[in-house]
Amino acid sequence: MPTSTIQEVASYLREIKLILQVSHSSDARFIVSTIRDKNIETLSELEYDIEDVKNSILSLSSTDYSSGPIKDNAIQGDLWVFGKIIKSREVYIKLKILGDNKYKQVAVLSFHFSEQRLRYPLR
């Protein structure tokens, strides 16, 4: 799988952060999937709420990049994977931008402890 360039990753993160910076708790520009038990269990173990997840996403850098863009076969758009060490544990973070130019949302599809060590090609 080809690796994105540091410029591509930085551009994606800028877009994510721009969307998050204009969002607030009463709007749906930021969605964290709680369908998966892994996500709920990780949030519980970390004692994280949605605002903590948002702050973790805002603190991502290009060196946290693991893979992407990956074509999503379920919903139009691409998936991007990042990893972050939180409380001495590696957390697997899968993000997607939904919507169009008028209204975009950041979807956090995965936010759980890594099941296998991630690789970080831009480190």
PDB file of N, CA and C in Angstrom:
ATOM      1  N   MET A   1       0.844  -1.175   0.000  1.00  0.00           N
ATOM      2  CA  MET A   1       0.000   0.000   0.000  1.00  0.00           C
ATOM      3  C   MET A   1       0.894   1.245   0.000  1.00  0.00           C
ATOM      4  N   PRO A   2       0.690   2.179  -0.936  1.00  0.00           N
ATOM      5  CA  PRO A   2       1.542   3.366  -0.983  1.00  0.00           C
ATOM      6  C   PRO A   2       1.309   4.263   0.238  1.00  0.00           C
ATOM      7  N   THR A   3       2.365   4.932   0.616  1.00  0.00           N
ATOM      8  CA  THR A   3       2.315   5.857   1.736  1.00  0.00           C
ATOM      9  C   THR A   3       2.048   7.260   1.220  1.00  0.00           C
ATOM     10  N   SER A   4       1.243   8.007   1.940  1.00  0.00           N
ATOM     11  CA  SER A   4       1.014   9.403   1.587  1.00  0.00           C
ATOM     12  C   SER A   4       2.246  10.216   1.951  1.00  0.00           C
ATOM     13  N   THR A   5       2.409  11.342   1.275  1.00  0.00           N
ATOM     14  CA  THR A   5       3.526  12.228   1.578  1.00  0.00           C
ATOM     15  C   THR A   5       3.213  13.032   2.833  1.00  0.00           C
ATOM     16  N   ILE A   6       4.229  13.599   3.417  1.00  0.00           N
ATOM     17  CA  ILE A   6       4.028  14.424   4.607  1.00  0.00           C
ATOM     18  C   ILE A   6       3.115  15.612   4.279  1.00  0.00           C
ATOM     19  N   GLN A   7       3.212  16.132   3.062  1.00  0.00           N
ATOM     20  CA  GLN A   7       2.358  17.257   2.652  1.00  0.00           C
ATOM     21  C   GLN A   7       0.889  16.825   2.565  1.00  0.00           C
ATOM     22  N   GLU A   8       0.637  15.635   2.029  1.00  0.00           N
ATOM     23  CA  GLU A   8      -0.738  15.135   1.928  1.00  0.00           C
ATOM     24  C   GLU A   8      -1.342  14.903   3.310  1.00  0.00           C
ATOM     25  N   VAL A   9      -0.553  14.335   4.197  1.00  0.00           N
ATOM     26  CA  VAL A   9      -1.031  14.076   5.556  1.00  0.00           C
ATOM     27  C   VAL A   9      -1.278  15.405   6.279  1.00  0.00           C
ATOM     28  N   ALA A  10      -0.349  16.334   6.142  1.00  0.00           N
ATOM     29  CA  ALA A  10      -0.509  17.646   6.785  1.00  0.00           C
ATOM     30  C   ALA A  10      -1.753  18.359   6.263  1.00  0.00           C
ATOM     31  N   SER A  11      -2.008  18.258   4.982  1.00  0.00           N
ATOM     32  CA  SER A  11      -3.189  18.875   4.393  1.00  0.00           C
ATOM     33  C   SER A  11      -4.466  18.245   4.947  1.00  0.00           C
ATOM     34  N   TYR A  12      -4.487  16.925   5.055  1.00  0.00           N
ATOM     35  CA  TYR A  12      -5.654  16.226   5.601  1.00  0.00           C
ATOM     36  C   TYR A  12      -5.887  16.653   7.053  1.00  0.00           C
ATOM     37  N   LEU A  13      -4.829  16.691   7.848  1.00  0.00           N
ATOM     38  CA  LEU A  13      -4.969  17.082   9.250  1.00  0.00           C
ATOM     39  C   LEU A  13      -5.423  18.532   9.383  1.00  0.00           C
ATOM     40  N   ARG A  14      -4.951  19.404   8.504  1.00  0.00           N
ATOM     41  CA  ARG A  14      -5.420  20.804   8.527  1.00  0.00           C
ATOM     42  C   ARG A  14      -6.920  20.863   8.302  1.00  0.00           C
ATOM     43  N   GLU A  15      -7.416  20.077   7.347  1.00  0.00           N
ATOM     44  CA  GLU A  15      -8.846  20.067   7.059  1.00  0.00           C
ATOM     45  C   GLU A  15      -9.633  19.525   8.257  1.00  0.00           C
ATOM     46  N   ILE A  16      -9.161  18.445   8.845  1.00  0.00           N
ATOM     47  CA  ILE A  16      -9.805  17.871  10.033  1.00  0.00           C
ATOM     48  C   ILE A  16      -9.878  18.927  11.147  1.00  0.00           C
ATOM     49  N   LYS A  17      -8.758  19.557  11.407  1.00  0.00           N
ATOM     50  CA  LYS A  17      -8.686  20.519  12.518  1.00  0.00           C
ATOM     51  C   LYS A  17      -9.546  21.748  12.249  1.00  0.00           C
ATOM     52  N   LEU A  18      -9.618  22.172  11.011  1.00  0.00           N
ATOM     53  CA  LEU A  18     -10.478  23.303  10.663  1.00  0.00           C
ATOM     54  C   LEU A  18     -11.941  22.962  10.953  1.00  0.00           C
ATOM     55  N   ILE A  19     -12.367  21.780  10.556  1.00  0.00           N
ATOM     56  CA  ILE A  19     -13.741  21.343  10.824  1.00  0.00           C
ATOM     57  C   ILE A  19     -13.989  21.290  12.339  1.00  0.00           C
ATOM     58  N   LEU A  20     -13.055  20.736  13.086  1.00  0.00           N
ATOM     59  CA  LEU A  20     -13.233  20.595  14.532  1.00  0.00           C
ATOM     60  C   LEU A  20     -13.220  21.936  15.247  1.00  0.00           C
ATOM     61  N   GLN A  21     -12.434  22.873  14.767  1.00  0.00           N
ATOM     62  CA  GLN A  21     -12.342  24.167  15.429  1.00  0.00           C
ATOM     63  C   GLN A  21     -13.605  24.995  15.269  1.00  0.00           C
ATOM     64  N   VAL A  22     -14.382  24.736  14.226  1.00  0.00           N
ATOM     65  CA  VAL A  22     -15.628  25.479  14.054  1.00  0.00           C
ATOM     66  C   VAL A  22     -16.817  24.730  14.658  1.00  0.00           C
ATOM     67  N   SER A  23     -16.576  23.524  15.161  1.00  0.00           N
ATOM     68  CA  SER A  23     -17.667  22.757  15.758  1.00  0.00           C
ATOM     69  C   SER A  23     -17.774  23.069  17.241  1.00  0.00           C
ATOM     70  N   HIS A  24     -18.924  22.794  17.794  1.00  0.00           N
ATOM     71  CA  HIS A  24     -19.135  22.904  19.238  1.00  0.00           C
ATOM     72  C   HIS A  24     -20.047  21.762  19.662  1.00  0.00           C
ATOM     73  N   SER A  25     -20.219  21.614  20.948  1.00  0.00           N
ATOM     74  CA  SER A  25     -20.885  20.422  21.465  1.00  0.00           C
ATOM     75  C   SER A  25     -22.308  20.224  20.949  1.00  0.00           C
ATOM     76  N   SER A  26     -22.991  21.289  20.564  1.00  0.00           N
ATOM     77  CA  SER A  26     -24.378  21.117  20.130  1.00  0.00           C
ATOM     78  C   SER A  26     -24.501  20.883  18.625  1.00  0.00           C
ATOM     79  N   ASP A  27     -23.377  20.834  17.920  1.00  0.00           N
ATOM     80  CA  ASP A  27     -23.505  20.560  16.490  1.00  0.00           C
ATOM     81  C   ASP A  27     -22.871  19.225  16.158  1.00  0.00           C
ATOM     82  N   ALA A  28     -23.253  18.673  15.054  1.00  0.00           N
ATOM     83  CA  ALA A  28     -22.867  17.299  14.726  1.00  0.00           C
ATOM     84  C   ALA A  28     -21.702  17.240  13.751  1.00  0.00           C
ATOM     85  N   ARG A  29     -20.779  18.188  13.840  1.00  0.00           N
ATOM     86  CA  ARG A  29     -19.612  18.147  12.948  1.00  0.00           C
ATOM     87  C   ARG A  29     -18.570  17.143  13.428  1.00  0.00           C
ATOM     88  N   PHE A  30     -18.751  16.618  14.617  1.00  0.00           N
ATOM     89  CA  PHE A  30     -17.799  15.679  15.204  1.00  0.00           C
ATOM     90  C   PHE A  30     -18.569  14.475  15.728  1.00  0.00           C
ATOM     91  N   ILE A  31     -18.311  13.316  15.129  1.00  0.00           N
ATOM     92  CA  ILE A  31     -19.034  12.097  15.471  1.00  0.00           C
ATOM     93  C   ILE A  31     -18.020  11.046  15.915  1.00  0.00           C
ATOM     94  N   VAL A  32     -18.241  10.477  17.077  1.00  0.00           N
ATOM     95  CA  VAL A  32     -17.396   9.382  17.552  1.00  0.00           C
ATOM     96  C   VAL A  32     -18.263   8.130  17.584  1.00  0.00           C
ATOM     97  N   SER A  33     -17.824   7.112  16.875  1.00  0.00           N
ATOM     98  CA  SER A  33     -18.588   5.863  16.819  1.00  0.00           C
ATOM     99  C   SER A  33     -18.572   5.165  18.167  1.00  0.00           C
ATOM    100  N   THR A  34     -19.754   4.919  18.682  1.00  0.00           N
ATOM    101  CA  THR A  34     -19.877   4.140  19.915  1.00  0.00           C
ATOM    102  C   THR A  34     -20.580   2.820  19.640  1.00  0.00           C
ATOM    103  N   ILE A  35     -20.640   2.461  18.372  1.00  0.00           N
ATOM    104  CA  ILE A  35     -21.248   1.187  17.985  1.00  0.00           C
ATOM    105  C   ILE A  35     -20.334   0.029  18.386  1.00  0.00           C
ATOM    106  N   ARG A  36     -19.048   0.255  18.261  1.00  0.00           N
ATOM    107  CA  ARG A  36     -18.096  -0.818  18.530  1.00  0.00           C
ATOM    108  C   ARG A  36     -17.736  -0.868  20.008  1.00  0.00           C
ATOM    109  N   ASP A  37     -17.814  -2.038  20.591  1.00  0.00           N
ATOM    110  CA  ASP A  37     -17.479  -2.213  22.002  1.00  0.00           C
ATOM    111  C   ASP A  37     -16.052  -1.781  22.303  1.00  0.00           C
ATOM    112  N   LYS A  38     -15.137  -2.033  21.336  1.00  0.00           N
ATOM    113  CA  LYS A  38     -13.729  -1.672  21.547  1.00  0.00           C
ATOM    114  C   LYS A  38     -13.587  -0.188  21.839  1.00  0.00           C
ATOM    115  N   ASN A  39     -14.331   0.638  21.099  1.00  0.00           N
ATOM    116  CA  ASN A  39     -14.247   2.083  21.301  1.00  0.00           C
ATOM    117  C   ASN A  39     -14.750   2.462  22.694  1.00  0.00           C
ATOM    118  N   ILE A  40     -15.878   1.915  23.075  1.00  0.00           N
ATOM    119  CA  ILE A  40     -16.471   2.224  24.379  1.00  0.00           C
ATOM    120  C   ILE A  40     -15.549   1.772  25.511  1.00  0.00           C
ATOM    121  N   GLU A  41     -15.005   0.573  25.386  1.00  0.00           N
ATOM    122  CA  GLU A  41     -14.117   0.044  26.426  1.00  0.00           C
ATOM    123  C   GLU A  41     -12.858   0.891  26.569  1.00  0.00           C
ATOM    124  N   THR A  42     -12.301   1.327  25.436  1.00  0.00           N
ATOM    125  CA  THR A  42     -11.098   2.157  25.486  1.00  0.00           C
ATOM    126  C   THR A  42     -11.399   3.500  26.134  1.00  0.00           C
ATOM    127  N   LEU A  43     -12.510   4.129  25.741  1.00  0.00           N
ATOM    128  CA  LEU A  43     -12.884   5.416  26.344  1.00  0.00           C
ATOM    129  C   LEU A  43     -13.062   5.264  27.854  1.00  0.00           C
ATOM    130  N   SER A  44     -13.679   4.189  28.256  1.00  0.00           N
ATOM    131  CA  SER A  44     -13.888   3.939  29.679  1.00  0.00           C
ATOM    132  C   SER A  44     -12.561   3.746  30.407  1.00  0.00           C
ATOM    133  N   GLU A  45     -11.696   2.920  29.849  1.00  0.00           N
ATOM    134  CA  GLU A  45     -10.416   2.646  30.500  1.00  0.00           C
ATOM    135  C   GLU A  45      -9.539   3.894  30.580  1.00  0.00           C
ATOM    136  N   LEU A  46      -9.591   4.719  29.540  1.00  0.00           N
ATOM    137  CA  LEU A  46      -8.814   5.967  29.538  1.00  0.00           C
ATOM    138  C   LEU A  46      -9.479   7.063  30.369  1.00  0.00           C
ATOM    139  N   GLU A  47     -10.750   6.834  30.750  1.00  0.00           N
ATOM    140  CA  GLU A  47     -11.562   7.850  31.422  1.00  0.00           C
ATOM    141  C   GLU A  47     -11.696   9.078  30.523  1.00  0.00           C
ATOM    142  N   TYR A  48     -11.988   8.811  29.251  1.00  0.00           N
ATOM    143  CA  TYR A  48     -12.130   9.850  28.231  1.00  0.00           C
ATOM    144  C   TYR A  48     -13.595  10.087  27.913  1.00  0.00           C
ATOM    145  N   ASP A  49     -13.900  11.345  27.641  1.00  0.00           N
ATOM    146  CA  ASP A  49     -15.207  11.679  27.095  1.00  0.00           C
ATOM    147  C   ASP A  49     -14.998  12.187  25.661  1.00  0.00           C
ATOM    148  N   ILE A  50     -16.075  12.617  25.032  1.00  0.00           N
ATOM    149  CA  ILE A  50     -15.995  13.041  23.627  1.00  0.00           C
ATOM    150  C   ILE A  50     -15.043  14.229  23.462  1.00  0.00           C
ATOM    151  N   GLU A  51     -15.031  15.126  24.415  1.00  0.00           N
ATOM    152  CA  GLU A  51     -14.130  16.295  24.338  1.00  0.00           C
ATOM    153  C   GLU A  51     -12.669  15.861  24.386  1.00  0.00           C
ATOM    154  N   ASP A  52     -12.357  14.842  25.175  1.00  0.00           N
ATOM    155  CA  ASP A  52     -10.989  14.311  25.234  1.00  0.00           C
ATOM    156  C   ASP A  52     -10.592  13.701  23.891  1.00  0.00           C
ATOM    157  N   VAL A  53     -11.533  13.001  23.260  1.00  0.00           N
ATOM    158  CA  VAL A  53     -11.264  12.419  21.938  1.00  0.00           C
ATOM    159  C   VAL A  53     -10.994  13.554  20.948  1.00  0.00           C
ATOM    160  N   LYS A  54     -11.827  14.570  20.974  1.00  0.00           N
ATOM    161  CA  LYS A  54     -11.655  15.722  20.087  1.00  0.00           C
ATOM    162  C   LYS A  54     -10.275  16.355  20.295  1.00  0.00           C
ATOM    163  N   ASN A  55      -9.877  16.531  21.539  1.00  0.00           N
ATOM    164  CA  ASN A  55      -8.560  17.120  21.821  1.00  0.00           C
ATOM    165  C   ASN A  55      -7.429  16.220  21.334  1.00  0.00           C
ATOM    166  N   SER A  56      -7.618  14.910  21.425  1.00  0.00           N
ATOM    167  CA  SER A  56      -6.607  13.980  20.907  1.00  0.00           C
ATOM    168  C   SER A  56      -6.472  14.122  19.392  1.00  0.00           C
ATOM    169  N   ILE A  57      -7.590  14.271  18.717  1.00  0.00           N
ATOM    170  CA  ILE A  57      -7.572  14.440  17.258  1.00  0.00           C
ATOM    171  C   ILE A  57      -6.899  15.766  16.909  1.00  0.00           C
ATOM    172  N   LEU A  58      -7.229  16.806  17.651  1.00  0.00           N
ATOM    173  CA  LEU A  58      -6.624  18.120  17.395  1.00  0.00           C
ATOM    174  C   LEU A  58      -5.108  18.107  17.614  1.00  0.00           C
ATOM    175  N   SER A  59      -4.620  17.202  18.449  1.00  0.00           N
ATOM    176  CA  SER A  59      -3.179  17.153  18.729  1.00  0.00           C
ATOM    177  C   SER A  59      -2.406  16.240  17.779  1.00  0.00           C
ATOM    178  N   LEU A  60      -3.096  15.581  16.844  1.00  0.00           N
ATOM    179  CA  LEU A  60      -2.400  14.705  15.900  1.00  0.00           C
ATOM    180  C   LEU A  60      -1.447  15.504  15.010  1.00  0.00           C
ATOM    181  N   SER A  61      -0.343  14.879  14.665  1.00  0.00           N
ATOM    182  CA  SER A  61       0.605  15.475  13.723  1.00  0.00           C
ATOM    183  C   SER A  61       0.906  14.463  12.613  1.00  0.00           C
ATOM    184  N   SER A  62       1.624  14.909  11.631  1.00  0.00           N
ATOM    185  CA  SER A  62       1.967  14.038  10.501  1.00  0.00           C
ATOM    186  C   SER A  62       2.736  12.804  10.946  1.00  0.00           C
ATOM    187  N   THR A  63       3.500  12.915  12.013  1.00  0.00           N
ATOM    188  CA  THR A  63       4.271  11.758  12.478  1.00  0.00           C
ATOM    189  C   THR A  63       3.383  10.695  13.129  1.00  0.00           C
ATOM    190  N   ASP A  64       2.132  11.040  13.436  1.00  0.00           N
ATOM    191  CA  ASP A  64       1.186  10.077  13.989  1.00  0.00           C
ATOM    192  C   ASP A  64       0.480   9.279  12.891  1.00  0.00           C
ATOM    193  N   TYR A  65       0.722   9.649  11.647  1.00  0.00           N
ATOM    194  CA  TYR A  65       0.114   8.991  10.483  1.00  0.00           C
ATOM    195  C   TYR A  65       0.582   7.542  10.376  1.00  0.00           C
ATOM    196  N   SER A  66      -0.376   6.644  10.101  1.00  0.00           N
ATOM    197  CA  SER A  66      -0.031   5.245   9.882  1.00  0.00           C
ATOM    198  C   SER A  66      -0.366   4.803   8.457  1.00  0.00           C
ATOM    199  N   SER A  67      -1.582   5.109   7.968  1.00  0.00           N
ATOM    200  CA  SER A  67      -1.931   4.720   6.597  1.00  0.00           C
ATOM    201  C   SER A  67      -3.106   5.545   6.082  1.00  0.00           C
ATOM    202  N   GLY A  68      -3.243   5.535   4.788  1.00  0.00           N
ATOM    203  CA  GLY A  68      -4.339   6.253   4.135  1.00  0.00           C
ATOM    204  C   GLY A  68      -3.807   7.147   3.033  1.00  0.00           C
ATOM    205  N   PRO A  69      -4.680   7.585   2.190  1.00  0.00           N
ATOM    206  CA  PRO A  69      -6.107   7.317   2.212  1.00  0.00           C
ATOM    207  C   PRO A  69      -6.424   5.886   1.763  1.00  0.00           C
ATOM    208  N   ILE A  70      -7.444   5.325   2.393  1.00  0.00           N
ATOM    209  CA  ILE A  70      -7.926   3.984   2.089  1.00  0.00           C
ATOM    210  C   ILE A  70      -9.370   4.129   1.620  1.00  0.00           C
ATOM    211  N   LYS A  71      -9.667   3.594   0.453  1.00  0.00           N
ATOM    212  CA  LYS A  71     -11.028   3.698  -0.081  1.00  0.00           C
ATOM    213  C   LYS A  71     -11.995   2.981   0.848  1.00  0.00           C
ATOM    214  N   ASP A  72     -13.055   3.676   1.211  1.00  0.00           N
ATOM    215  CA  ASP A  72     -14.109   3.079   2.030  1.00  0.00           C
ATOM    216  C   ASP A  72     -15.158   2.514   1.088  1.00  0.00           C
ATOM    217  N   ASN A  73     -15.364   1.225   1.169  1.00  0.00           N
ATOM    218  CA  ASN A  73     -16.336   0.574   0.282  1.00  0.00           C
ATOM    219  C   ASN A  73     -17.776   0.747   0.753  1.00  0.00           C
ATOM    220  N   ALA A  74     -17.963   1.134   2.020  1.00  0.00           N
ATOM    221  CA  ALA A  74     -19.315   1.265   2.562  1.00  0.00           C
ATOM    222  C   ALA A  74     -19.918   2.634   2.284  1.00  0.00           C
ATOM    223  N   ILE A  75     -19.142   3.679   2.533  1.00  0.00           N
ATOM    224  CA  ILE A  75     -19.617   5.058   2.361  1.00  0.00           C
ATOM    225  C   ILE A  75     -18.566   5.811   1.563  1.00  0.00           C
ATOM    226  N   GLN A  76     -19.006   6.590   0.595  1.00  0.00           N
ATOM    227  CA  GLN A  76     -18.081   7.323  -0.265  1.00  0.00           C
ATOM    228  C   GLN A  76     -17.089   8.124   0.575  1.00  0.00           C
ATOM    229  N   GLY A  77     -15.843   8.083   0.156  1.00  0.00           N
ATOM    230  CA  GLY A  77     -14.794   8.821   0.845  1.00  0.00           C
ATOM    231  C   GLY A  77     -13.662   7.900   1.256  1.00  0.00           C
ATOM    232  N   ASP A  78     -12.660   8.527   1.860  1.00  0.00           N
ATOM    233  CA  ASP A  78     -11.457   7.795   2.247  1.00  0.00           C
ATOM    234  C   ASP A  78     -11.301   7.740   3.758  1.00  0.00           C
ATOM    235  N   LEU A  79     -10.650   6.688   4.197  1.00  0.00           N
ATOM    236  CA  LEU A  79     -10.320   6.487   5.601  1.00  0.00           C
ATOM    237  C   LEU A  79      -8.834   6.761   5.796  1.00  0.00           C
ATOM    238  N   TRP A  80      -8.499   7.324   6.932  1.00  0.00           N
ATOM    239  CA  TRP A  80      -7.109   7.575   7.289  1.00  0.00           C
ATOM    240  C   TRP A  80      -6.880   7.013   8.685  1.00  0.00           C
ATOM    241  N   VAL A  81      -5.703   6.412   8.900  1.00  0.00           N
ATOM    242  CA  VAL A  81      -5.391   5.792  10.183  1.00  0.00           C
ATOM    243  C   VAL A  81      -4.199   6.504  10.822  1.00  0.00           C
ATOM    244  N   PHE A  82      -4.371   6.796  12.100  1.00  0.00           N
ATOM    245  CA  PHE A  82      -3.327   7.429  12.900  1.00  0.00           C
ATOM    246  C   PHE A  82      -3.177   6.635  14.185  1.00  0.00           C
ATOM    247  N   GLY A  83      -2.075   6.839  14.861  1.00  0.00           N
ATOM    248  CA  GLY A  83      -1.857   6.220  16.155  1.00  0.00           C
ATOM    249  C   GLY A  83      -1.323   7.246  17.124  1.00  0.00           C
ATOM    250  N   LYS A  84      -1.659   7.053  18.372  1.00  0.00           N
ATOM    251  CA  LYS A  84      -1.221   8.000  19.390  1.00  0.00           C
ATOM    252  C   LYS A  84      -1.021   7.239  20.694  1.00  0.00           C
ATOM    253  N   ILE A  85       0.046   7.562  21.405  1.00  0.00           N
ATOM    254  CA  ILE A  85       0.274   6.971  22.717  1.00  0.00           C
ATOM    255  C   ILE A  85      -0.487   7.814  23.739  1.00  0.00           C
ATOM    256  N   ILE A  86      -1.424   7.165  24.419  1.00  0.00           N
ATOM    257  CA  ILE A  86      -2.222   7.832  25.445  1.00  0.00           C
ATOM    258  C   ILE A  86      -2.148   6.978  26.701  1.00  0.00           C
ATOM    259  N   LYS A  87      -1.682   7.590  27.771  1.00  0.00           N
ATOM    260  CA  LYS A  87      -1.519   6.872  29.047  1.00  0.00           C
ATOM    261  C   LYS A  87      -0.735   5.572  28.846  1.00  0.00           C
ATOM    262  N   SER A  88       0.364   5.684  28.122  1.00  0.00           N
ATOM    263  CA  SER A  88       1.316   4.590  27.873  1.00  0.00           C
ATOM    264  C   SER A  88       0.771   3.467  26.997  1.00  0.00           C
ATOM    265  N   ARG A  89      -0.343   3.687  26.302  1.00  0.00           N
ATOM    266  CA  ARG A  89      -0.919   2.674  25.411  1.00  0.00           C
ATOM    267  C   ARG A  89      -1.094   3.274  24.022  1.00  0.00           C
ATOM    268  N   GLU A  90      -0.836   2.453  23.001  1.00  0.00           N
ATOM    269  CA  GLU A  90      -1.037   2.907  21.631  1.00  0.00           C
ATOM    270  C   GLU A  90      -2.523   2.827  21.286  1.00  0.00           C
ATOM    271  N   VAL A  91      -3.061   3.944  20.798  1.00  0.00           N
ATOM    272  CA  VAL A  91      -4.467   4.006  20.412  1.00  0.00           C
ATOM    273  C   VAL A  91      -4.558   4.111  18.894  1.00  0.00           C
ATOM    274  N   TYR A  92      -5.369   3.243  18.321  1.00  0.00           N
ATOM    275  CA  TYR A  92      -5.642   3.183  16.879  1.00  0.00           C
ATOM    276  C   TYR A  92      -6.791   4.149  16.600  1.00  0.00           C
ATOM    277  N   ILE A  93      -6.557   5.098  15.690  1.00  0.00           N
ATOM    278  CA  ILE A  93      -7.545   6.136  15.392  1.00  0.00           C
ATOM    279  C   ILE A  93      -7.824   6.128  13.892  1.00  0.00           C
ATOM    280  N   LYS A  94      -9.066   5.833  13.529  1.00  0.00           N
ATOM    281  CA  LYS A  94      -9.457   5.833  12.117  1.00  0.00           C
ATOM    282  C   LYS A  94     -10.436   6.982  11.902  1.00  0.00           C
ATOM    283  N   LEU A  95     -10.083   7.865  10.958  1.00  0.00           N
ATOM    284  CA  LEU A  95     -10.861   9.069  10.701  1.00  0.00           C
ATOM    285  C   LEU A  95     -11.391   9.106   9.284  1.00  0.00           C
ATOM    286  N   LYS A  96     -12.481   9.846   9.135  1.00  0.00           N
ATOM    287  CA  LYS A  96     -13.064  10.047   7.820  1.00  0.00           C
ATOM    288  C   LYS A  96     -13.765  11.398   7.818  1.00  0.00           C
ATOM    289  N   ILE A  97     -13.649  12.106   6.710  1.00  0.00           N
ATOM    290  CA  ILE A  97     -14.397  13.351   6.525  1.00  0.00           C
ATOM    291  C   ILE A  97     -15.638  13.014   5.712  1.00  0.00           C
ATOM    292  N   LEU A  98     -16.791  13.383   6.261  1.00  0.00           N
ATOM    293  CA  LEU A  98     -18.070  13.157   5.593  1.00  0.00           C
ATOM    294  C   LEU A  98     -18.647  14.491   5.136  1.00  0.00           C
ATOM    295  N   GLY A  99     -19.539  14.441   4.176  1.00  0.00           N
ATOM    296  CA  GLY A  99     -20.243  15.642   3.756  1.00  0.00           C
ATOM    297  C   GLY A  99     -19.701  16.222   2.470  1.00  0.00           C
ATOM    298  N   ASP A 100     -20.069  17.471   2.245  1.00  0.00           N
ATOM    299  CA  ASP A 100     -19.653  18.170   1.032  1.00  0.00           C
ATOM    300  C   ASP A 100     -19.035  19.510   1.413  1.00  0.00           C
ATOM    301  N   ASN A 101     -18.774  20.349   0.421  1.00  0.00           N
ATOM    302  CA  ASN A 101     -18.115  21.628   0.697  1.00  0.00           C
ATOM    303  C   ASN A 101     -18.945  22.570   1.573  1.00  0.00           C
ATOM    304  N   LYS A 102     -20.262  22.383   1.596  1.00  0.00           N
ATOM    305  CA  LYS A 102     -21.117  23.252   2.413  1.00  0.00           C
ATOM    306  C   LYS A 102     -21.127  22.836   3.883  1.00  0.00           C
ATOM    307  N   TYR A 103     -21.090  21.542   4.120  1.00  0.00           N
ATOM    308  CA  TYR A 103     -21.171  21.054   5.495  1.00  0.00           C
ATOM    309  C   TYR A 103     -20.357  19.769   5.617  1.00  0.00           C
ATOM    310  N   LYS A 104     -19.279  19.831   6.370  1.00  0.00           N
ATOM    311  CA  LYS A 104     -18.422  18.665   6.555  1.00  0.00           C
ATOM    312  C   LYS A 104     -18.457  18.220   8.004  1.00  0.00           C
ATOM    313  N   GLN A 105     -18.257  16.923   8.185  1.00  0.00           N
ATOM    314  CA  GLN A 105     -18.193  16.314   9.506  1.00  0.00           C
ATOM    315  C   GLN A 105     -16.935  15.466   9.616  1.00  0.00           C
ATOM    316  N   VAL A 106     -16.400  15.383  10.819  1.00  0.00           N
ATOM    317  CA  VAL A 106     -15.298  14.468  11.110  1.00  0.00           C
ATOM    318  C   VAL A 106     -15.901  13.271  11.824  1.00  0.00           C
ATOM    319  N   ALA A 107     -15.721  12.098  11.246  1.00  0.00           N
ATOM    320  CA  ALA A 107     -16.194  10.860  11.861  1.00  0.00           C
ATOM    321  C   ALA A 107     -14.988  10.102  12.407  1.00  0.00           C
ATOM    322  N   VAL A 108     -15.031   9.804  13.690  1.00  0.00           N
ATOM    323  CA  VAL A 108     -14.018   8.970  14.325  1.00  0.00           C
ATOM    324  C   VAL A 108     -14.617   7.565  14.364  1.00  0.00           C
ATOM    325  N   LEU A 109     -14.205   6.747  13.410  1.00  0.00           N
ATOM    326  CA  LEU A 109     -14.763   5.401  13.289  1.00  0.00           C
ATOM    327  C   LEU A 109     -14.129   4.433  14.275  1.00  0.00           C
ATOM    328  N   SER A 110     -12.863   4.671  14.581  1.00  0.00           N
ATOM    329  CA  SER A 110     -12.161   3.834  15.557  1.00  0.00           C
ATOM    330  C   SER A 110     -11.362   4.720  16.492  1.00  0.00           C
ATOM    331  N   PHE A 111     -11.452   4.413  17.746  1.00  0.00           N
ATOM    332  CA  PHE A 111     -10.631   5.052  18.773  1.00  0.00           C
ATOM    333  C   PHE A 111     -10.511   4.001  19.872  1.00  0.00           C
ATOM    334  N   HIS A 112      -9.562   3.086  19.643  1.00  0.00           N
ATOM    335  CA  HIS A 112      -9.409   1.969  20.582  1.00  0.00           C
ATOM    336  C   HIS A 112      -7.948   1.560  20.655  1.00  0.00           C
ATOM    337  N   PHE A 113      -7.632   0.800  21.696  1.00  0.00           N
ATOM    338  CA  PHE A 113      -6.264   0.324  21.844  1.00  0.00           C
ATOM    339  C   PHE A 113      -5.903  -0.528  20.632  1.00  0.00           C
ATOM    340  N   SER A 114      -4.696  -0.345  20.139  1.00  0.00           N
ATOM    341  CA  SER A 114      -4.230  -1.092  18.974  1.00  0.00           C
ATOM    342  C   SER A 114      -4.190  -2.578  19.269  1.00  0.00           C
ATOM    343  N   GLU A 115      -4.614  -3.336  18.283  1.00  0.00           N
ATOM    344  CA  GLU A 115      -4.555  -4.785  18.419  1.00  0.00           C
ATOM    345  C   GLU A 115      -3.208  -5.322  17.960  1.00  0.00           C
ATOM    346  N   GLN A 116      -2.541  -4.566  17.126  1.00  0.00           N
ATOM    347  CA  GLN A 116      -1.171  -4.878  16.729  1.00  0.00           C
ATOM    348  C   GLN A 116      -0.443  -3.560  16.546  1.00  0.00           C
ATOM    349  N   ARG A 117       0.851  -3.584  16.718  1.00  0.00           N
ATOM    350  CA  ARG A 117       1.649  -2.357  16.638  1.00  0.00           C
ATOM    351  C   ARG A 117       1.485  -1.706  15.266  1.00  0.00           C
ATOM    352  N   LEU A 118       1.203  -0.417  15.274  1.00  0.00           N
ATOM    353  CA  LEU A 118       1.079   0.341  14.014  1.00  0.00           C
ATOM    354  C   LEU A 118       2.459   0.701  13.494  1.00  0.00           C
ATOM    355  N   ARG A 119       2.532   0.919  12.212  1.00  0.00           N
ATOM    356  CA  ARG A 119       3.774   1.425  11.616  1.00  0.00           C
ATOM    357  C   ARG A 119       3.547   2.891  11.305  1.00  0.00           C
ATOM    358  N   TYR A 120       4.609   3.674  11.436  1.00  0.00           N
ATOM    359  CA  TYR A 120       4.539   5.125  11.252  1.00  0.00           C
ATOM    360  C   TYR A 120       5.565   5.529  10.194  1.00  0.00           C
ATOM    361  N   PRO A 121       5.180   5.513   8.936  1.00  0.00           N
ATOM    362  CA  PRO A 121       6.137   5.727   7.862  1.00  0.00           C
ATOM    363  C   PRO A 121       6.740   7.141   7.793  1.00  0.00           C
ATOM    364  N   LEU A 122       6.155   8.114   8.479  1.00  0.00           N
ATOM    365  CA  LEU A 122       6.657   9.479   8.400  1.00  0.00           C
ATOM    366  C   LEU A 122       7.486   9.867   9.622  1.00  0.00           C
ATOM    367  N   ARG A 123       7.837   8.878  10.427  1.00  0.00           N
ATOM    368  CA  ARG A 123       8.690   9.161  11.599  1.00  0.00           C
ATOM    369  C   ARG A 123      10.135   8.988  11.230  1.00  0.00           C
TER     370      ARG A 123
END
